Amino acid sequence: MARKVIDEPSEDVVANAQKEREAKRNPFSRIALFIRQVFVELSKVVTPTRRELVNYTGVVLVFVIIMMAIVFGLDQLFGWLVILVFGTSGS
């Protein structure tokens, strides 16, 4: 079962960002602020367990196979309809 993920930024990060925005520092301090915020957000990332990863991979593969079958079926159907309407190309 997936773990709960908090998607809201923490209050201290928001407060620091507002202080920095008000100060209108030079570009290097804004880049440093951005990098600090990136690391804070990366610390919130939850990696899936091995079982979840295998499950998600299986779901994606099954979905891709189903979509391939639908596209193949429609391609065959439309090809058959084109031959039915226009006939074969013969001299």
C-alpha atoms as a PDB file:
ATOM      1  CA  MET A   1       0.000   0.000   0.000  1.00  0.00           C
ATOM      2  CA  ALA A   2       1.331   3.419  -0.911  1.00  0.00           C
ATOM      3  CA  ARG A   3       2.447   5.715   1.851  1.00  0.00           C
ATOM      4  CA  LYS A   4       0.732   9.042   2.440  1.00  0.00           C
ATOM      5  CA  VAL A   5       2.393  11.917   0.596  1.00  0.00           C
ATOM      6  CA  ILE A   6       2.086  15.497   1.766  1.00  0.00           C
ATOM      7  CA  ASP A   7       1.941  17.676  -1.326  1.00  0.00           C
ATOM      8  CA  GLU A   8       1.755  21.054   0.361  1.00  0.00           C
ATOM      9  CA  PRO A   9       4.932  23.083   0.845  1.00  0.00           C
ATOM     10  CA  SER A  10       5.957  23.529   4.452  1.00  0.00           C
ATOM     11  CA  GLU A  11       5.254  26.896   6.058  1.00  0.00           C
ATOM     12  CA  ASP A  12       8.898  27.718   6.672  1.00  0.00           C
ATOM     13  CA  VAL A  13       9.764  27.215   3.004  1.00  0.00           C
ATOM     14  CA  VAL A  14       6.894  29.496   1.977  1.00  0.00           C
ATOM     15  CA  ALA A  15       7.896  32.116   4.563  1.00  0.00           C
ATOM     16  CA  ASN A  16      11.519  32.021   3.426  1.00  0.00           C
ATOM     17  CA  ALA A  17      10.457  32.329  -0.203  1.00  0.00           C
ATOM     18  CA  GLN A  18       8.305  35.352   0.593  1.00  0.00           C
ATOM     19  CA  LYS A  19      11.143  37.016   2.492  1.00  0.00           C
ATOM     20  CA  GLU A  20      13.507  36.388  -0.402  1.00  0.00           C
ATOM     21  CA  ARG A  21      10.950  37.676  -2.893  1.00  0.00           C
ATOM     22  CA  GLU A  22      10.501  40.879  -0.919  1.00  0.00           C
ATOM     23  CA  ALA A  23      14.227  41.442  -0.674  1.00  0.00           C
ATOM     24  CA  LYS A  24      14.740  41.105  -4.449  1.00  0.00           C
ATOM     25  CA  ARG A  25      18.247  39.785  -4.060  1.00  0.00           C
ATOM     26  CA  ASN A  26      20.758  39.365  -6.814  1.00  0.00           C
ATOM     27  CA  PRO A  27      20.396  36.508  -9.321  1.00  0.00           C
ATOM     28  CA  PHE A  28      22.875  34.274  -7.486  1.00  0.00           C
ATOM     29  CA  SER A  29      20.899  34.344  -4.248  1.00  0.00           C
ATOM     30  CA  ARG A  30      17.710  33.587  -6.166  1.00  0.00           C
ATOM     31  CA  ILE A  31      19.418  30.593  -7.770  1.00  0.00           C
ATOM     32  CA  ALA A  32      20.590  29.453  -4.317  1.00  0.00           C
ATOM     33  CA  LEU A  33      17.026  29.821  -2.995  1.00  0.00           C
ATOM     34  CA  PHE A  34      15.725  27.756  -5.903  1.00  0.00           C
ATOM     35  CA  ILE A  35      18.276  25.000  -5.247  1.00  0.00           C
ATOM     36  CA  ARG A  36      17.389  24.945  -1.528  1.00  0.00           C
ATOM     37  CA  GLN A  37      13.702  24.634  -2.401  1.00  0.00           C
ATOM     38  CA  VAL A  38      14.478  21.813  -4.843  1.00  0.00           C
ATOM     39  CA  PHE A  39      16.263  19.860  -2.104  1.00  0.00           C
ATOM     40  CA  VAL A  40      13.372  20.438   0.320  1.00  0.00           C
ATOM     41  CA  GLU A  41      10.886  19.143  -2.251  1.00  0.00           C
ATOM     42  CA  LEU A  42      13.100  16.157  -3.103  1.00  0.00           C
ATOM     43  CA  SER A  43      13.141  15.179   0.560  1.00  0.00           C
ATOM     44  CA  LYS A  44       9.358  14.726   0.344  1.00  0.00           C
ATOM     45  CA  VAL A  45       9.566  12.179  -2.491  1.00  0.00           C
ATOM     46  CA  VAL A  46       8.382   8.719  -1.491  1.00  0.00           C
ATOM     47  CA  THR A  47       9.898   5.861  -3.440  1.00  0.00           C
ATOM     48  CA  PRO A  48       7.636   2.881  -4.113  1.00  0.00           C
ATOM     49  CA  THR A  49       8.359  -0.494  -2.582  1.00  0.00           C
ATOM     50  CA  ARG A  50       9.574  -3.315  -4.792  1.00  0.00           C
ATOM     51  CA  ARG A  51       6.106  -4.871  -4.814  1.00  0.00           C
ATOM     52  CA  GLU A  52       4.459  -1.567  -5.807  1.00  0.00           C
ATOM     53  CA  LEU A  53       7.030  -1.032  -8.553  1.00  0.00           C
ATOM     54  CA  VAL A  54       6.411  -4.501 -10.023  1.00  0.00           C
ATOM     55  CA  ASN A  55       2.649  -3.934  -9.778  1.00  0.00           C
ATOM     56  CA  TYR A  56       2.816  -0.538 -11.519  1.00  0.00           C
ATOM     57  CA  THR A  57       5.065  -1.956 -14.246  1.00  0.00           C
ATOM     58  CA  GLY A  58       2.616  -4.801 -14.876  1.00  0.00           C
ATOM     59  CA  VAL A  59      -0.315  -2.398 -15.105  1.00  0.00           C
ATOM     60  CA  VAL A  60       1.525  -0.235 -17.643  1.00  0.00           C
ATOM     61  CA  LEU A  61       2.535  -3.236 -19.773  1.00  0.00           C
ATOM     62  CA  VAL A  62      -1.021  -4.636 -19.795  1.00  0.00           C
ATOM     63  CA  PHE A  63      -2.398  -1.218 -20.773  1.00  0.00           C
ATOM     64  CA  VAL A  64       0.125  -0.871 -23.623  1.00  0.00           C
ATOM     65  CA  ILE A  65      -0.701  -4.364 -24.924  1.00  0.00           C
ATOM     66  CA  ILE A  66      -4.438  -3.609 -24.847  1.00  0.00           C
ATOM     67  CA  MET A  67      -3.922  -0.318 -26.707  1.00  0.00           C
ATOM     68  CA  MET A  68      -1.735  -2.064 -29.303  1.00  0.00           C
ATOM     69  CA  ALA A  69      -4.473  -4.654 -29.861  1.00  0.00           C
ATOM     70  CA  ILE A  70      -7.105  -1.924 -30.315  1.00  0.00           C
ATOM     71  CA  VAL A  71      -4.953   0.004 -32.820  1.00  0.00           C
ATOM     72  CA  PHE A  72      -4.119  -3.216 -34.696  1.00  0.00           C
ATOM     73  CA  GLY A  73      -7.801  -4.172 -34.853  1.00  0.00           C
ATOM     74  CA  LEU A  74      -8.846  -0.744 -36.121  1.00  0.00           C
ATOM     75  CA  ASP A  75      -6.044  -0.809 -38.707  1.00  0.00           C
ATOM     76  CA  GLN A  76      -7.202  -4.188 -39.988  1.00  0.00           C
ATOM     77  CA  LEU A  77     -10.842  -3.041 -40.056  1.00  0.00           C
ATOM     78  CA  PHE A  78     -10.105   0.168 -41.956  1.00  0.00           C
ATOM     79  CA  GLY A  79      -7.821  -1.676 -44.363  1.00  0.00           C
ATOM     80  CA  TRP A  80     -10.588  -4.171 -45.074  1.00  0.00           C
ATOM     81  CA  LEU A  81     -13.098  -1.326 -45.577  1.00  0.00           C
ATOM     82  CA  VAL A  82     -10.778   0.476 -48.025  1.00  0.00           C
ATOM     83  CA  ILE A  83     -10.351  -2.682 -50.076  1.00  0.00           C
ATOM     84  CA  LEU A  84     -14.125  -3.229 -49.961  1.00  0.00           C
ATOM     85  CA  VAL A  85     -14.920   0.310 -51.138  1.00  0.00           C
ATOM     86  CA  PHE A  86     -12.144   0.869 -53.682  1.00  0.00           C
ATOM     87  CA  GLY A  87     -11.389  -2.710 -54.684  1.00  0.00           C
ATOM     88  CA  THR A  88      -7.990  -4.032 -55.581  1.00  0.00           C
ATOM     89  CA  SER A  89      -5.701  -2.112 -57.877  1.00  0.00           C
ATOM     90  CA  GLY A  90      -5.672  -4.052 -61.125  1.00  0.00           C
ATOM     91  CA  SER A  91      -5.109  -2.997 -64.706  1.00  0.00           C
END
